[in-house]
Protein backbone atom coordinates (compact mmCIF):
# COMPACT_ATOMS: atom_id res chain seq x y z
CA MET A 1 109.53 81.48 113.98
CA SER A 2 108.20 83.28 110.92
CA ILE A 3 106.88 86.82 110.53
CA GLU A 4 103.39 85.33 110.21
CA ASP A 5 103.87 83.47 113.53
CA VAL A 6 104.88 86.74 115.22
CA ARG A 7 101.87 88.49 113.72
CA GLU A 8 99.48 85.75 114.83
CA TYR A 9 100.89 85.74 118.37
CA ALA A 10 100.73 89.54 118.68
CA LEU A 11 97.09 89.55 117.65
CA THR A 12 96.22 87.07 120.44
CA LEU A 13 97.11 89.69 123.05
CA PRO A 14 94.00 91.40 124.46
CA GLY A 15 93.22 94.66 122.66
CA ALA A 16 96.09 94.32 120.18
CA THR A 17 95.53 95.95 116.79
CA GLU A 18 97.55 95.95 113.60
CA ASP A 19 98.06 98.70 111.04
CA MET A 20 100.49 99.95 108.39
CA PRO A 21 100.93 103.69 109.06
CA TYR A 22 104.40 103.89 107.47
CA GLY A 23 103.43 102.17 104.24
CA PRO A 24 103.05 98.60 102.99
CA ASP A 25 106.46 97.41 104.21
CA TRP A 26 105.84 97.98 107.96
CA LEU A 27 103.40 96.22 110.29
CA ILE A 28 102.74 98.00 113.57
CA PHE A 29 100.96 96.47 116.57
CA ARG A 30 99.35 98.63 119.24
CA ILE A 31 97.44 98.48 122.48
CA GLU A 32 95.07 101.45 122.88
CA GLY A 33 96.93 103.31 120.14
CA LYS A 34 100.40 102.82 121.68
CA ILE A 35 102.96 100.79 119.74
CA PHE A 36 104.44 97.64 121.28
CA LEU A 37 105.75 95.83 118.17
CA HIS A 38 107.23 96.76 114.77
CA ILE A 39 107.83 94.40 111.87
CA TRP A 40 109.76 95.62 108.84
CA LEU A 41 108.61 93.32 106.05
CA GLU A 42 111.52 94.27 103.76
CA SER A 43 114.22 93.36 106.27
CA PRO A 44 116.96 91.14 104.77
CA GLU A 45 116.47 88.78 107.74
CA PRO A 46 113.15 88.12 109.53
CA THR A 47 113.05 90.46 112.53
CA CYS A 48 110.66 92.20 114.85
CA ALA A 49 111.30 95.13 117.17
CA VAL A 50 110.08 95.05 120.76
CA LYS A 51 110.10 97.70 123.47
CA LEU A 52 111.85 96.65 126.68
CA GLN A 53 113.19 98.35 129.79
CA PRO A 54 116.64 99.74 128.79
CA GLU A 55 118.52 97.55 131.29
CA VAL A 56 116.66 94.43 130.14
CA GLY A 57 117.38 95.16 126.49
CA GLN A 58 121.06 95.80 127.23
CA THR A 59 121.37 92.51 129.11
CA LEU A 60 119.69 90.59 126.29
CA ARG A 61 122.00 92.19 123.71
CA GLU A 62 125.00 91.05 125.75
CA HIS A 63 123.75 87.46 126.00
CA PHE A 64 122.07 86.79 122.65
CA ASP A 65 123.52 87.36 119.17
CA GLY A 66 119.94 87.57 117.88
CA VAL A 67 119.07 90.66 119.94
CA ARG A 68 120.39 93.99 118.69
CA PRO A 69 119.52 97.69 118.95
CA ALA A 70 116.49 98.37 116.77
CA TYR A 71 117.05 99.88 113.36
CA HIS A 72 115.51 103.38 113.03
CA LEU A 73 114.05 103.37 116.57
CA ASN A 74 115.19 104.61 119.97
CA LYS A 75 118.01 102.18 120.68
CA ALA A 76 117.71 102.52 124.46
CA HIS A 77 114.15 101.13 124.44
CA TRP A 78 113.69 99.20 121.20
CA ASN A 79 115.40 95.92 120.33
CA ASP A 80 115.44 93.95 117.09
CA ILE A 81 114.85 90.24 117.56
CA TYR A 82 116.36 88.18 114.72
CA LEU A 83 113.79 85.42 114.47
CA GLU A 84 116.08 82.79 112.98
CA LEU A 85 118.55 83.16 115.88
CA ILE A 86 116.12 83.19 118.83
CA ASP A 87 113.80 80.40 119.86
CA ASP A 88 110.06 80.90 119.53
CA GLU A 89 109.32 80.78 123.25
CA LEU A 90 111.78 83.60 124.02
CA THR A 91 110.46 85.66 121.12
CA ASN A 92 106.89 85.31 122.38
CA GLN A 93 108.04 86.13 125.91
CA TRP A 94 109.72 89.36 124.75
CA ILE A 95 106.71 90.37 122.64
CA ARG A 96 104.53 89.85 125.73
CA GLN A 97 106.93 91.92 127.86
CA SER A 98 106.79 94.72 125.30
CA TYR A 99 102.99 94.59 125.28
CA GLU A 100 102.84 94.65 129.10
CA LEU A 101 105.35 97.51 129.36
CA VAL A 102 103.20 99.64 127.06
CA LEU A 103 99.99 98.53 128.79
CA LEU A 104 101.34 99.54 132.21
CA LYS A 105 102.02 103.08 130.95
CA LEU A 106 98.43 103.62 129.82
CA PRO A 107 96.07 105.73 131.94
CA LYS A 108 94.38 103.85 134.79
CA ARG A 109 90.96 103.88 133.12
CA LEU A 110 92.43 102.08 130.08
CA ARG A 111 94.47 99.62 132.15
CA GLU A 112 91.30 98.67 134.02
CA LYS A 113 89.81 97.39 130.74
CA TYR A 114 92.54 94.74 130.72
CA GLY A 115 92.47 93.92 134.44
CA THR A 116 95.67 95.86 135.13
CA VAL A 117 95.72 98.73 137.59
């Protein structure tokens, strides 16, 4: 999976937006202003960072060489996915989980926009 594939998938999620608040080498994806995905464009290896429940992230790190604590982010919640080491389906699944985790923490009135209460 390429960075462009990750970007395209993230933008298919309802309400997802993209911006570059940290400069031209970072892509950030949000739902209602809350970040669910980071992509560092200057990374030596293609990666993306997803937010997962701490116990889920820890389990994935133990079972997959391509999942590691996220660089420059809270390592309990954020996980770097090395795209060349993880299959596309799992990557998309973890991006979706990150999106849903952030969505579920939004206020009820915002969750209702997306059919989640």
